[in-house]
Amino acid sequence: SNAIRWPKPITHSSSSSTQVISDLISRALDNAPSAKLFQVSIQADLAVNGKDVFVLSNGSTSGSIQISASTGVAAAWGFNYYLKYVADSSVYWSGKNIRLSNSTLFPIHEPIRIVANDLYRWYGNPCTFSYSAVFWNFSRWEKEIDWMAMNGINLVYATTGMEYIYNKVFLRMGFPQTELDDYFTGPAFLAWFRMGNLQKHGGPLSNRWHQTQFQLAKQIIQRMTDIGIIPVLPAFTGFMPRTAPLRFPLARFHNSSSWDGFGCNESCLPYLDPTDSFFQKVGVELLNETITLLNLTSHFYACDLFNEMTPPTSDPGYLADVNAGIFQAMKTVDPNAVWYNFL
């Protein structure tokens, strides 16, 4: 069968998920005593055909609220539902407006049960990480991850720190650091570097940047998975340093077109044709390294080729083969891979 076998949402033991969501509630309420009045229970069997469910009701002790949910994300979503529709409160990107007292909660007149419309709820796109999040520290990411969970988001693009991994693998392939420094853009332009539109512009990236971003990536992914959010990991698109065609003359490379007025000194990246066997070697090595260093197999991978650029040919057969080559590298590493493609 060619039917997609969708990976299941991330779940943890009831006790660990309960504590993670209780901590989220405390952060949202600024550690007010009323945060302790929310009783959280994670019960995977509440799910309906794999879709998240939460139930809100009055708790077993006086003045408490019970949140029963299928996953940690569903529990956080249920808490936010209570804030918005019972307590007339809100938590948003630029702040919060909490209309609860420090020590009491509004009761629920009758139980509220919500079933998610969809199995997965997506957040962000490749540009988000340059438009908004490029200089965030973990404290800011923690707020964002809390906000994601409180809005039911359970599938999130996770590209922070990927340059550390690519730098490591490309060094192993024989590229000197000087050529890699000439390849990576500066931090604010990494979204367009990752999509193959830019190279070098605003760079190089310092060793400290590589190290701190990779450590940040591990913190982000750990918190996401603790809550139950699935990180979508980057897979190999084929873009490589400008010297790659000289270093690997037997492989088939194309030069991408110049992008958005940038000259070829900072654009026109070479990309390894996904129909070339060497693509499989590089793609498999990069994805294996990503999974190993991040200690995660989420089964979801993102890869976008030809973003705002023209393929070498518009022949449908060739484009189908390109997609097959990209996906094959993912499946070699992870037979349960699902490719999340923006284009």
C-alpha atoms as a PDB file:
ATOM      1  CA  SER A   1       0.000   0.000   0.000  1.00  0.00           C
ATOM      2  CA  ASN A   2       1.140   3.557  -0.744  1.00  0.00           C
ATOM      3  CA  ALA A   3      -0.933   4.995   2.092  1.00  0.00           C
ATOM      4  CA  ILE A   4       1.036   7.235   4.440  1.00  0.00           C
ATOM      5  CA  ARG A   5       1.697   5.676   7.841  1.00  0.00           C
ATOM      6  CA  TRP A   6       1.505   8.833   9.909  1.00  0.00           C
ATOM      7  CA  PRO A   7       3.827   8.857  12.936  1.00  0.00           C
ATOM      8  CA  LYS A   8       1.995   8.986  16.230  1.00  0.00           C
ATOM      9  CA  PRO A   9       2.071  12.141  18.379  1.00  0.00           C
ATOM     10  CA  ILE A  10       4.829  12.162  20.986  1.00  0.00           C
ATOM     11  CA  THR A  11       3.672  10.807  24.335  1.00  0.00           C
ATOM     12  CA  HIS A  12       5.458  10.322  27.627  1.00  0.00           C
ATOM     13  CA  SER A  13       4.613   8.697  30.920  1.00  0.00           C
ATOM     14  CA  SER A  14       1.611  10.302  32.573  1.00  0.00           C
ATOM     15  CA  SER A  15       3.651  11.562  35.527  1.00  0.00           C
ATOM     16  CA  SER A  16       6.356  13.281  33.442  1.00  0.00           C
ATOM     17  CA  SER A  17       3.825  14.914  31.088  1.00  0.00           C
ATOM     18  CA  THR A  18       1.738  16.065  34.032  1.00  0.00           C
ATOM     19  CA  GLN A  19       4.701  17.813  35.641  1.00  0.00           C
ATOM     20  CA  VAL A  20       5.764  19.480  32.382  1.00  0.00           C
ATOM     21  CA  ILE A  21       2.270  20.929  31.879  1.00  0.00           C
ATOM     22  CA  SER A  22       1.988  21.959  35.527  1.00  0.00           C
ATOM     23  CA  ASP A  23       5.250  23.876  35.083  1.00  0.00           C
ATOM     24  CA  LEU A  24       3.850  25.531  31.929  1.00  0.00           C
ATOM     25  CA  ILE A  25       0.730  26.603  33.844  1.00  0.00           C
ATOM     26  CA  SER A  26       2.876  28.076  36.619  1.00  0.00           C
ATOM     27  CA  ARG A  27       4.877  30.091  34.078  1.00  0.00           C
ATOM     28  CA  ALA A  28       1.720  31.378  32.401  1.00  0.00           C
ATOM     29  CA  LEU A  29       0.278  32.485  35.748  1.00  0.00           C
ATOM     30  CA  ASP A  30       3.574  33.916  37.025  1.00  0.00           C
ATOM     31  CA  ASN A  31       3.766  31.285  39.770  1.00  0.00           C
ATOM     32  CA  ALA A  32       0.527  32.473  41.381  1.00  0.00           C
ATOM     33  CA  PRO A  33      -0.896  30.058  44.006  1.00  0.00           C
ATOM     34  CA  SER A  34      -3.936  29.534  41.751  1.00  0.00           C
ATOM     35  CA  ALA A  35      -1.688  27.602  39.334  1.00  0.00           C
ATOM     36  CA  LYS A  36      -1.658  24.751  41.863  1.00  0.00           C
ATOM     37  CA  LEU A  37      -5.443  24.460  41.563  1.00  0.00           C
ATOM     38  CA  PHE A  38      -5.210  22.994  38.048  1.00  0.00           C
ATOM     39  CA  GLN A  39      -5.172  19.194  38.204  1.00  0.00           C
ATOM     40  CA  VAL A  40      -3.655  17.680  35.052  1.00  0.00           C
ATOM     41  CA  SER A  41      -4.178  14.115  33.867  1.00  0.00           C
ATOM     42  CA  ILE A  42      -2.693  12.694  30.648  1.00  0.00           C
ATOM     43  CA  GLN A  43      -4.679   9.747  29.281  1.00  0.00           C
ATOM     44  CA  ALA A  44      -3.648   8.625  25.796  1.00  0.00           C
ATOM     45  CA  ASP A  45      -6.858   6.619  25.366  1.00  0.00           C
ATOM     46  CA  LEU A  46      -8.899   9.845  25.319  1.00  0.00           C
ATOM     47  CA  ALA A  47      -7.741  10.415  21.715  1.00  0.00           C
ATOM     48  CA  VAL A  48     -10.331   9.977  18.957  1.00  0.00           C
ATOM     49  CA  ASN A  49      -8.873   8.296  15.858  1.00  0.00           C
ATOM     50  CA  GLY A  50      -5.474   9.613  16.892  1.00  0.00           C
ATOM     51  CA  LYS A  51      -6.751  13.185  17.259  1.00  0.00           C
ATOM     52  CA  ASP A  52      -6.096  15.128  20.441  1.00  0.00           C
ATOM     53  CA  VAL A  53      -8.855  15.543  23.024  1.00  0.00           C
ATOM     54  CA  PHE A  54      -9.114  17.551  26.223  1.00  0.00           C
ATOM     55  CA  VAL A  55     -11.848  17.636  28.849  1.00  0.00           C
ATOM     56  CA  LEU A  56     -12.294  20.447  31.380  1.00  0.00           C
ATOM     57  CA  SER A  57     -14.309  19.954  34.548  1.00  0.00           C
ATOM     58  CA  ASN A  58     -14.382  20.973  38.193  1.00  0.00           C
ATOM     59  CA  GLY A  59     -11.684  19.134  40.105  1.00  0.00           C
ATOM     60  CA  SER A  60     -11.918  16.664  42.958  1.00  0.00           C
ATOM     61  CA  THR A  61     -10.897  19.244  45.556  1.00  0.00           C
ATOM     62  CA  SER A  62     -12.728  22.466  46.316  1.00  0.00           C
ATOM     63  CA  GLY A  63     -11.974  25.280  43.872  1.00  0.00           C
ATOM     64  CA  SER A  64      -9.821  23.163  41.553  1.00  0.00           C
ATOM     65  CA  ILE A  65     -10.111  22.572  37.793  1.00  0.00           C
ATOM     66  CA  GLN A  66      -9.456  19.179  36.224  1.00  0.00           C
ATOM     67  CA  ILE A  67      -7.732  19.058  32.815  1.00  0.00           C
ATOM     68  CA  SER A  68      -7.855  15.572  31.294  1.00  0.00           C
ATOM     69  CA  ALA A  69      -6.126  15.255  27.934  1.00  0.00           C
ATOM     70  CA  SER A  70      -4.740  12.759  25.447  1.00  0.00           C
ATOM     71  CA  THR A  71      -1.269  14.399  25.237  1.00  0.00           C
ATOM     72  CA  GLY A  72       0.733  17.132  26.895  1.00  0.00           C
ATOM     73  CA  VAL A  73      -0.069  19.495  24.021  1.00  0.00           C
ATOM     74  CA  ALA A  74      -3.780  18.774  24.419  1.00  0.00           C
ATOM     75  CA  ALA A  75      -3.529  19.526  28.153  1.00  0.00           C
ATOM     76  CA  ALA A  76      -1.809  22.870  27.500  1.00  0.00           C
ATOM     77  CA  TRP A  77      -4.449  23.611  24.865  1.00  0.00           C
ATOM     78  CA  GLY A  78      -7.170  22.816  27.382  1.00  0.00           C
ATOM     79  CA  PHE A  79      -5.602  25.151  29.945  1.00  0.00           C
ATOM     80  CA  ASN A  80      -5.562  27.971  27.382  1.00  0.00           C
ATOM     81  CA  TYR A  81      -9.181  27.215  26.454  1.00  0.00           C
ATOM     82  CA  TYR A  82     -10.089  27.680  30.111  1.00  0.00           C
ATOM     83  CA  LEU A  83      -8.207  30.984  30.239  1.00  0.00           C
ATOM     84  CA  LYS A  84      -9.921  32.351  27.129  1.00  0.00           C
ATOM     85  CA  TYR A  85     -13.475  31.086  27.429  1.00  0.00           C
ATOM     86  CA  VAL A  86     -13.986  30.658  31.164  1.00  0.00           C
ATOM     87  CA  ALA A  87     -11.632  33.196  32.765  1.00  0.00           C
ATOM     88  CA  ASP A  88     -11.781  35.890  30.023  1.00  0.00           C
ATOM     89  CA  SER A  89      -7.975  35.919  29.953  1.00  0.00           C
ATOM     90  CA  SER A  90      -5.339  35.610  27.266  1.00  0.00           C
ATOM     91  CA  VAL A  91      -1.677  34.841  26.695  1.00  0.00           C
ATOM     92  CA  TYR A  92      -0.325  36.249  23.447  1.00  0.00           C
ATOM     93  CA  TRP A  93       2.969  36.953  21.686  1.00  0.00           C
ATOM     94  CA  SER A  94       3.561  40.371  23.235  1.00  0.00           C
ATOM     95  CA  GLY A  95       2.297  39.694  26.750  1.00  0.00           C
ATOM     96  CA  LYS A  96      -0.647  38.408  28.738  1.00  0.00           C
ATOM     97  CA  ASN A  97      -3.875  39.586  30.347  1.00  0.00           C
ATOM     98  CA  ILE A  98      -4.788  37.267  33.225  1.00  0.00           C
ATOM     99  CA  ARG A  99      -8.078  37.992  34.984  1.00  0.00           C
ATOM    100  CA  LEU A 100      -7.730  35.316  37.654  1.00  0.00           C
ATOM    101  CA  SER A 101      -7.109  36.122  41.290  1.00  0.00           C
ATOM    102  CA  ASN A 102      -3.923  34.825  42.859  1.00  0.00           C
ATOM    103  CA  SER A 103      -5.709  32.127  44.809  1.00  0.00           C
ATOM    104  CA  THR A 104      -9.043  31.200  43.188  1.00  0.00           C
ATOM    105  CA  LEU A 105     -10.341  29.882  39.866  1.00  0.00           C
ATOM    106  CA  PHE A 106     -13.671  30.318  38.121  1.00  0.00           C
ATOM    107  CA  PRO A 107     -15.737  27.114  38.316  1.00  0.00           C
ATOM    108  CA  ILE A 108     -16.965  25.280  35.217  1.00  0.00           C
ATOM    109  CA  HIS A 109     -20.741  24.869  35.056  1.00  0.00           C
ATOM    110  CA  GLU A 110     -20.595  21.658  33.033  1.00  0.00           C
ATOM    111  CA  PRO A 111     -17.725  19.616  31.558  1.00  0.00           C
ATOM    112  CA  ILE A 112     -16.217  20.898  28.293  1.00  0.00           C
ATOM    113  CA  ARG A 113     -14.900  18.356  25.790  1.00  0.00           C
ATOM    114  CA  ILE A 114     -12.997  19.416  22.679  1.00  0.00           C
ATOM    115  CA  VAL A 115     -11.754  17.094  19.897  1.00  0.00           C
ATOM    116  CA  ALA A 116      -9.090  18.442  17.526  1.00  0.00           C
ATOM    117  CA  ASN A 117     -10.133  18.789  13.900  1.00  0.00           C
ATOM    118  CA  ASP A 118      -6.758  17.590  12.661  1.00  0.00           C
ATOM    119  CA  LEU A 119      -4.101  15.074  13.607  1.00  0.00           C
ATOM    120  CA  TYR A 120      -1.327  17.674  13.279  1.00  0.00           C
ATOM    121  CA  ARG A 121      -1.296  21.456  13.712  1.00  0.00           C
ATOM    122  CA  TRP A 122       1.678  23.219  12.119  1.00  0.00           C
ATOM    123  CA  TYR A 123       3.620  26.315  13.157  1.00  0.00           C
ATOM    124  CA  GLY A 124       6.015  28.565  11.257  1.00  0.00           C
ATOM    125  CA  ASN A 125       7.918  28.332   7.996  1.00  0.00           C
ATOM    126  CA  PRO A 126      11.606  28.532   7.032  1.00  0.00           C
ATOM    127  CA  CYS A 127      11.584  32.341   7.071  1.00  0.00           C
ATOM    128  CA  THR A 128      10.223  32.525  10.629  1.00  0.00           C
ATOM    129  CA  PHE A 129      13.682  31.689  11.913  1.00  0.00           C
ATOM    130  CA  SER A 130      15.202  34.787  10.301  1.00  0.00           C
ATOM    131  CA  TYR A 131      12.302  37.246  10.428  1.00  0.00           C
ATOM    132  CA  SER A 132      11.604  36.682  14.119  1.00  0.00           C
ATOM    133  CA  ALA A 133      13.601  34.080  15.996  1.00  0.00           C
ATOM    134  CA  VAL A 134      17.203  34.388  14.866  1.00  0.00           C
ATOM    135  CA  PHE A 135      18.538  36.013  18.051  1.00  0.00           C
ATOM    136  CA  TRP A 136      16.206  34.404  20.589  1.00  0.00           C
ATOM    137  CA  ASN A 137      17.738  32.798  23.672  1.00  0.00           C
ATOM    138  CA  PHE A 138      16.153  29.841  25.439  1.00  0.00           C
ATOM    139  CA  SER A 139      14.110  32.055  27.755  1.00  0.00           C
ATOM    140  CA  ARG A 140      12.371  33.548  24.699  1.00  0.00           C
ATOM    141  CA  TRP A 141      12.043  30.137  23.066  1.00  0.00           C
ATOM    142  CA  GLU A 142      10.467  28.794  26.248  1.00  0.00           C
ATOM    143  CA  LYS A 143       7.729  31.426  25.986  1.00  0.00           C
ATOM    144  CA  GLU A 144       7.187  30.560  22.327  1.00  0.00           C
ATOM    145  CA  ILE A 145       7.026  26.823  22.952  1.00  0.00           C
ATOM    146  CA  ASP A 146       4.530  27.403  25.778  1.00  0.00           C
ATOM    147  CA  TRP A 147       2.469  29.549  23.399  1.00  0.00           C
ATOM    148  CA  MET A 148       2.613  26.844  20.716  1.00  0.00           C
ATOM    149  CA  ALA A 149       1.369  24.162  23.090  1.00  0.00           C
ATOM    150  CA  MET A 150      -1.331  26.430  24.529  1.00  0.00           C
ATOM    151  CA  ASN A 151      -2.658  26.901  20.997  1.00  0.00           C
ATOM    152  CA  GLY A 152      -2.652  23.193  20.187  1.00  0.00           C
ATOM    153  CA  ILE A 153       0.393  23.238  17.907  1.00  0.00           C
ATOM    154  CA  ASN A 154       2.146  19.878  17.780  1.00  0.00           C
ATOM    155  CA  LEU A 155       4.331  19.978  14.636  1.00  0.00           C
ATOM    156  CA  VAL A 156       7.134  22.551  14.414  1.00  0.00           C
ATOM    157  CA  TYR A 157      10.011  23.219  12.020  1.00  0.00           C
ATOM    158  CA  ALA A 158      13.283  22.794  13.966  1.00  0.00           C
ATOM    159  CA  THR A 159      16.271  24.181  12.073  1.00  0.00           C
ATOM    160  CA  THR A 160      18.126  26.052  14.818  1.00  0.00           C
ATOM    161  CA  GLY A 161      21.746  24.921  14.947  1.00  0.00           C
ATOM    162  CA  MET A 162      21.704  22.938  11.692  1.00  0.00           C
ATOM    163  CA  GLU A 163      24.785  24.805  10.436  1.00  0.00           C
ATOM    164  CA  TYR A 164      26.813  23.256  13.267  1.00  0.00           C
ATOM    165  CA  ILE A 165      25.912  19.812  11.939  1.00  0.00           C
ATOM    166  CA  TYR A 166      26.538  20.704   8.294  1.00  0.00           C
ATOM    167  CA  ASN A 167      29.869  22.294   9.187  1.00  0.00           C
ATOM    168  CA  LYS A 168      30.879  19.108  10.984  1.00  0.00           C
ATOM    169  CA  VAL A 169      29.939  16.815   8.087  1.00  0.00           C
ATOM    170  CA  PHE A 170      31.420  19.032   5.366  1.00  0.00           C
ATOM    171  CA  LEU A 171      34.727  19.226   7.265  1.00  0.00           C
ATOM    172  CA  ARG A 172      34.727  15.432   7.339  1.00  0.00           C
ATOM    173  CA  MET A 173      34.158  15.430   3.574  1.00  0.00           C
ATOM    174  CA  GLY A 174      37.342  17.442   3.060  1.00  0.00           C
ATOM    175  CA  PHE A 175      36.166  21.054   2.854  1.00  0.00           C
ATOM    176  CA  PRO A 176      38.545  23.347   4.782  1.00  0.00           C
ATOM    177  CA  GLN A 177      37.000  25.705   7.320  1.00  0.00           C
ATOM    178  CA  THR A 178      37.927  28.708   5.165  1.00  0.00           C
ATOM    179  CA  GLU A 179      35.672  27.448   2.365  1.00  0.00           C
ATOM    180  CA  LEU A 180      32.835  26.792   4.805  1.00  0.00           C
ATOM    181  CA  ASP A 181      33.244  30.273   6.288  1.00  0.00           C
ATOM    182  CA  ASP A 182      32.795  31.560   2.745  1.00  0.00           C
ATOM    183  CA  TYR A 183      29.623  29.444   2.437  1.00  0.00           C
ATOM    184  CA  PHE A 184      27.463  30.165   5.491  1.00  0.00           C
ATOM    185  CA  THR A 185      25.634  33.498   5.591  1.00  0.00           C
ATOM    186  CA  GLY A 186      25.375  35.670   8.672  1.00  0.00           C
ATOM    187  CA  PRO A 187      22.726  34.779  11.281  1.00  0.00           C
ATOM    188  CA  ALA A 188      19.987  37.103   9.993  1.00  0.00           C
ATOM    189  CA  PHE A 189      20.088  35.521   6.523  1.00  0.00           C
ATOM    190  CA  LEU A 190      20.161  31.839   7.423  1.00  0.00           C
ATOM    191  CA  ALA A 191      16.595  31.166   6.256  1.00  0.00           C
ATOM    192  CA  TRP A 192      17.576  32.022   2.685  1.00  0.00           C
ATOM    193  CA  PHE A 193      20.861  30.173   3.033  1.00  0.00           C
ATOM    194  CA  ARG A 194      18.939  27.052   4.067  1.00  0.00           C
ATOM    195  CA  MET A 195      16.645  27.389   1.059  1.00  0.00           C
ATOM    196  CA  GLY A 196      19.615  27.756  -1.294  1.00  0.00           C
ATOM    197  CA  ASN A 197      19.039  31.400  -2.204  1.00  0.00           C
ATOM    198  CA  LEU A 198      22.073  32.937  -0.508  1.00  0.00           C
ATOM    199  CA  GLN A 199      25.630  32.114   0.469  1.00  0.00           C
ATOM    200  CA  LYS A 200      28.300  34.154   2.272  1.00  0.00           C
ATOM    201  CA  HIS A 201      26.159  37.319   2.692  1.00  0.00           C
ATOM    202  CA  GLY A 202      26.678  38.749   6.180  1.00  0.00           C
ATOM    203  CA  GLY A 203      28.975  35.874   7.152  1.00  0.00           C
ATOM    204  CA  PRO A 204      30.997  34.138   8.309  1.00  0.00           C
ATOM    205  CA  LEU A 205      29.467  32.392  11.303  1.00  0.00           C
ATOM    206  CA  SER A 206      31.799  32.304  14.283  1.00  0.00           C
ATOM    207  CA  ASN A 207      32.694  29.085  16.061  1.00  0.00           C
ATOM    208  CA  ARG A 208      30.925  30.482  19.124  1.00  0.00           C
ATOM    209  CA  TRP A 209      27.750  30.940  17.066  1.00  0.00           C
ATOM    210  CA  HIS A 210      27.921  27.333  15.865  1.00  0.00           C
ATOM    211  CA  GLN A 211      28.431  26.024  19.403  1.00  0.00           C
ATOM    212  CA  THR A 212      25.802  28.142  21.165  1.00  0.00           C
ATOM    213  CA  GLN A 213      23.166  27.573  18.470  1.00  0.00           C
ATOM    214  CA  PHE A 214      23.654  23.823  18.607  1.00  0.00           C
ATOM    215  CA  GLN A 215      23.292  23.830  22.399  1.00  0.00           C
ATOM    216  CA  LEU A 216      20.181  25.991  22.002  1.00  0.00           C
ATOM    217  CA  ALA A 217      18.805  23.536  19.429  1.00  0.00           C
ATOM    218  CA  LYS A 218      19.130  20.686  21.916  1.00  0.00           C
ATOM    219  CA  GLN A 219      17.302  22.716  24.580  1.00  0.00           C
ATOM    220  CA  ILE A 220      14.512  23.644  22.165  1.00  0.00           C
ATOM    221  CA  ILE A 221      14.029  20.089  20.947  1.00  0.00           C
ATOM    222  CA  GLN A 222      14.128  18.668  24.466  1.00  0.00           C
ATOM    223  CA  ARG A 223      11.422  21.075  25.631  1.00  0.00           C
ATOM    224  CA  MET A 224       9.287  20.456  22.545  1.00  0.00           C
ATOM    225  CA  THR A 225       9.405  16.701  22.965  1.00  0.00           C
ATOM    226  CA  ASP A 226       8.834  16.929  26.732  1.00  0.00           C
ATOM    227  CA  ILE A 227       5.575  18.766  26.035  1.00  0.00           C
ATOM    228  CA  GLY A 228       4.664  16.536  23.102  1.00  0.00           C
ATOM    229  CA  ILE A 229       5.478  18.785  20.136  1.00  0.00           C
ATOM    230  CA  ILE A 230       7.044  16.970  17.166  1.00  0.00           C
ATOM    231  CA  PRO A 231      10.169  18.695  15.781  1.00  0.00           C
ATOM    232  CA  VAL A 232      10.476  18.602  11.990  1.00  0.00           C
ATOM    233  CA  LEU A 233      14.167  18.107  11.232  1.00  0.00           C
ATOM    234  CA  PRO A 234      16.015  19.451   8.172  1.00  0.00           C
ATOM    235  CA  ALA A 235      16.933  17.041   5.389  1.00  0.00           C
ATOM    236  CA  PHE A 236      19.475  17.538   2.598  1.00  0.00           C
ATOM    237  CA  THR A 237      18.397  19.718  -0.331  1.00  0.00           C
ATOM    238  CA  GLY A 238      21.611  19.336  -2.318  1.00  0.00           C
ATOM    239  CA  PHE A 239      23.058  22.823  -1.825  1.00  0.00           C
ATOM    240  CA  MET A 240      26.784  22.752  -1.090  1.00  0.00           C
ATOM    241  CA  PRO A 241      29.778  25.135  -0.907  1.00  0.00           C
ATOM    242  CA  ARG A 242      30.839  26.770  -4.162  1.00  0.00           C
ATOM    243  CA  THR A 243      33.952  24.549  -4.417  1.00  0.00           C
ATOM    244  CA  ALA A 244      31.940  21.303  -4.300  1.00  0.00           C
ATOM    245  CA  PRO A 245      31.922  20.739  -8.101  1.00  0.00           C
ATOM    246  CA  LEU A 246      35.737  20.968  -8.095  1.00  0.00           C
ATOM    247  CA  ARG A 247      36.128  18.656  -5.114  1.00  0.00           C
ATOM    248  CA  PHE A 248      33.716  16.062  -6.500  1.00  0.00           C
ATOM    249  CA  PRO A 249      34.107  16.280 -10.297  1.00  0.00           C
ATOM    250  CA  LEU A 250      32.349  12.964 -10.973  1.00  0.00           C
ATOM    251  CA  ALA A 251      29.129  14.148  -9.326  1.00  0.00           C
ATOM    252  CA  ARG A 252      26.487  16.070 -11.268  1.00  0.00           C
ATOM    253  CA  PHE A 253      25.976  19.639 -10.021  1.00  0.00           C
ATOM    254  CA  HIS A 254      23.832  22.520 -11.224  1.00  0.00           C
ATOM    255  CA  ASN A 255      24.234  26.203 -10.449  1.00  0.00           C
ATOM    256  CA  SER A 256      21.099  27.832  -9.119  1.00  0.00           C
ATOM    257  CA  SER A 257      20.065  31.160 -10.596  1.00  0.00           C
ATOM    258  CA  SER A 258      20.932  34.462  -8.927  1.00  0.00           C
ATOM    259  CA  TRP A 259      18.310  35.474  -6.395  1.00  0.00           C
ATOM    260  CA  ASP A 260      16.526  38.754  -5.666  1.00  0.00           C
ATOM    261  CA  GLY A 261      19.205  41.002  -7.133  1.00  0.00           C
ATOM    262  CA  PHE A 262      22.169  39.378  -5.400  1.00  0.00           C
ATOM    263  CA  GLY A 263      25.153  38.687  -7.625  1.00  0.00           C
ATOM    264  CA  CYS A 264      26.620  35.229  -7.997  1.00  0.00           C
ATOM    265  CA  ASN A 265      29.286  35.992  -5.400  1.00  0.00           C
ATOM    266  CA  GLU A 266      26.521  35.722  -2.786  1.00  0.00           C
ATOM    267  CA  SER A 267      23.954  33.660  -4.681  1.00  0.00           C
ATOM    268  CA  CYS A 268      24.005  31.046  -7.495  1.00  0.00           C
ATOM    269  CA  LEU A 269      24.768  28.174  -5.101  1.00  0.00           C
ATOM    270  CA  PRO A 270      25.806  24.853  -6.639  1.00  0.00           C
ATOM    271  CA  TYR A 271      23.433  22.047  -5.817  1.00  0.00           C
ATOM    272  CA  LEU A 272      24.019  18.358  -6.152  1.00  0.00           C
ATOM    273  CA  ASP A 273      21.480  16.782  -8.483  1.00  0.00           C
ATOM    274  CA  PRO A 274      19.195  14.531  -6.382  1.00  0.00           C
ATOM    275  CA  THR A 275      19.186  11.978  -9.209  1.00  0.00           C
ATOM    276  CA  ASP A 276      22.965  11.529  -8.796  1.00  0.00           C
ATOM    277  CA  SER A 277      24.082   8.624  -6.606  1.00  0.00           C
ATOM    278  CA  PHE A 278      26.435  10.927  -4.683  1.00  0.00           C
ATOM    279  CA  PHE A 279      23.360  12.800  -3.417  1.00  0.00           C
ATOM    280  CA  GLN A 280      22.347   9.672  -1.511  1.00  0.00           C
ATOM    281  CA  LYS A 281      25.739   9.442   0.183  1.00  0.00           C
ATOM    282  CA  VAL A 282      25.740  13.070   1.321  1.00  0.00           C
ATOM    283  CA  GLY A 283      22.046  13.176   2.202  1.00  0.00           C
ATOM    284  CA  VAL A 284      22.223  10.004   4.276  1.00  0.00           C
ATOM    285  CA  GLU A 285      25.354  11.149   6.116  1.00  0.00           C
ATOM    286  CA  LEU A 286      23.873  14.557   6.964  1.00  0.00           C
ATOM    287  CA  LEU A 287      20.573  13.150   8.207  1.00  0.00           C
ATOM    288  CA  ASN A 288      22.274  10.398  10.198  1.00  0.00           C
ATOM    289  CA  GLU A 289      24.489  13.008  11.843  1.00  0.00           C
ATOM    290  CA  THR A 290      21.465  15.202  12.599  1.00  0.00           C
ATOM    291  CA  ILE A 291      19.566  12.359  14.253  1.00  0.00           C
ATOM    292  CA  THR A 292      22.639  11.183  16.173  1.00  0.00           C
ATOM    293  CA  LEU A 293      23.692  14.587  17.502  1.00  0.00           C
ATOM    294  CA  LEU A 294      20.154  15.633  18.429  1.00  0.00           C
ATOM    295  CA  ASN A 295      19.319  12.169  19.769  1.00  0.00           C
ATOM    296  CA  LEU A 296      15.947  12.273  18.050  1.00  0.00           C
ATOM    297  CA  THR A 297      14.037  10.475  15.320  1.00  0.00           C
ATOM    298  CA  SER A 298      10.778  12.378  14.925  1.00  0.00           C
ATOM    299  CA  HIS A 299      10.030  10.814  11.486  1.00  0.00           C
ATOM    300  CA  PHE A 300       9.157  14.261  10.062  1.00  0.00           C
ATOM    301  CA  TYR A 301      11.651  16.005   7.781  1.00  0.00           C
ATOM    302  CA  ALA A 302      11.614  19.273   5.850  1.00  0.00           C
ATOM    303  CA  CYS A 303      13.398  19.963   2.587  1.00  0.00           C
ATOM    304  CA  ASP A 304      12.625  22.633  -0.003  1.00  0.00           C
ATOM    305  CA  LEU A 305      14.369  22.826  -3.363  1.00  0.00           C
ATOM    306  CA  PHE A 306      13.864  25.490  -6.048  1.00  0.00           C
ATOM    307  CA  ASN A 307      12.577  28.167  -3.670  1.00  0.00           C
ATOM    308  CA  GLU A 308      12.033  31.227  -5.880  1.00  0.00           C
ATOM    309  CA  MET A 309      14.348  29.754  -8.498  1.00  0.00           C
ATOM    310  CA  THR A 310      13.993  27.925 -11.806  1.00  0.00           C
ATOM    311  CA  PRO A 311      14.829  24.196 -12.073  1.00  0.00           C
ATOM    312  CA  PRO A 312      17.274  23.172 -14.813  1.00  0.00           C
ATOM    313  CA  THR A 313      14.294  21.750 -16.709  1.00  0.00           C
ATOM    314  CA  SER A 314      10.532  21.808 -16.272  1.00  0.00           C
ATOM    315  CA  ASP A 315      10.196  18.232 -17.516  1.00  0.00           C
ATOM    316  CA  PRO A 316       7.727  16.493 -15.144  1.00  0.00           C
ATOM    317  CA  GLY A 317       9.677  13.240 -15.297  1.00  0.00           C
ATOM    318  CA  TYR A 318      12.881  14.906 -14.155  1.00  0.00           C
ATOM    319  CA  LEU A 319      11.120  16.783 -11.355  1.00  0.00           C
ATOM    320  CA  ALA A 320       9.517  13.536 -10.187  1.00  0.00           C
ATOM    321  CA  ASP A 321      12.951  11.881 -10.136  1.00  0.00           C
ATOM    322  CA  VAL A 322      14.356  14.815  -8.143  1.00  0.00           C
ATOM    323  CA  ASN A 323      11.654  14.410  -5.522  1.00  0.00           C
ATOM    324  CA  ALA A 324      12.184  10.654  -5.444  1.00  0.00           C
ATOM    325  CA  GLY A 325      15.926  11.144  -4.892  1.00  0.00           C
ATOM    326  CA  ILE A 326      15.418  13.585  -2.022  1.00  0.00           C
ATOM    327  CA  PHE A 327      12.871  11.321  -0.351  1.00  0.00           C
ATOM    328  CA  GLN A 328      14.989   8.206  -0.842  1.00  0.00           C
ATOM    329  CA  ALA A 329      17.797   9.710   1.257  1.00  0.00           C
ATOM    330  CA  MET A 330      15.281  10.293   4.054  1.00  0.00           C
ATOM    331  CA  LYS A 331      13.848   6.773   3.808  1.00  0.00           C
ATOM    332  CA  THR A 332      17.295   5.168   3.806  1.00  0.00           C
ATOM    333  CA  VAL A 333      17.910   6.715   7.217  1.00  0.00           C
ATOM    334  CA  ASP A 334      14.332   6.429   8.484  1.00  0.00           C
ATOM    335  CA  PRO A 335      11.951   4.002   6.716  1.00  0.00           C
ATOM    336  CA  ASN A 336       9.026   5.792   8.423  1.00  0.00           C
ATOM    337  CA  ALA A 337      10.054   9.212   7.122  1.00  0.00           C
ATOM    338  CA  VAL A 338       7.390  11.767   6.225  1.00  0.00           C
ATOM    339  CA  TRP A 339       8.544  14.660   4.036  1.00  0.00           C
ATOM    340  CA  TYR A 340       7.007  17.996   4.982  1.00  0.00           C
ATOM    341  CA  ASN A 341       7.427  20.197   1.903  1.00  0.00           C
ATOM    342  CA  PHE A 342       6.498  23.886   1.777  1.00  0.00           C
ATOM    343  CA  LEU A 343       6.770  24.328  -1.996  1.00  0.00           C
END
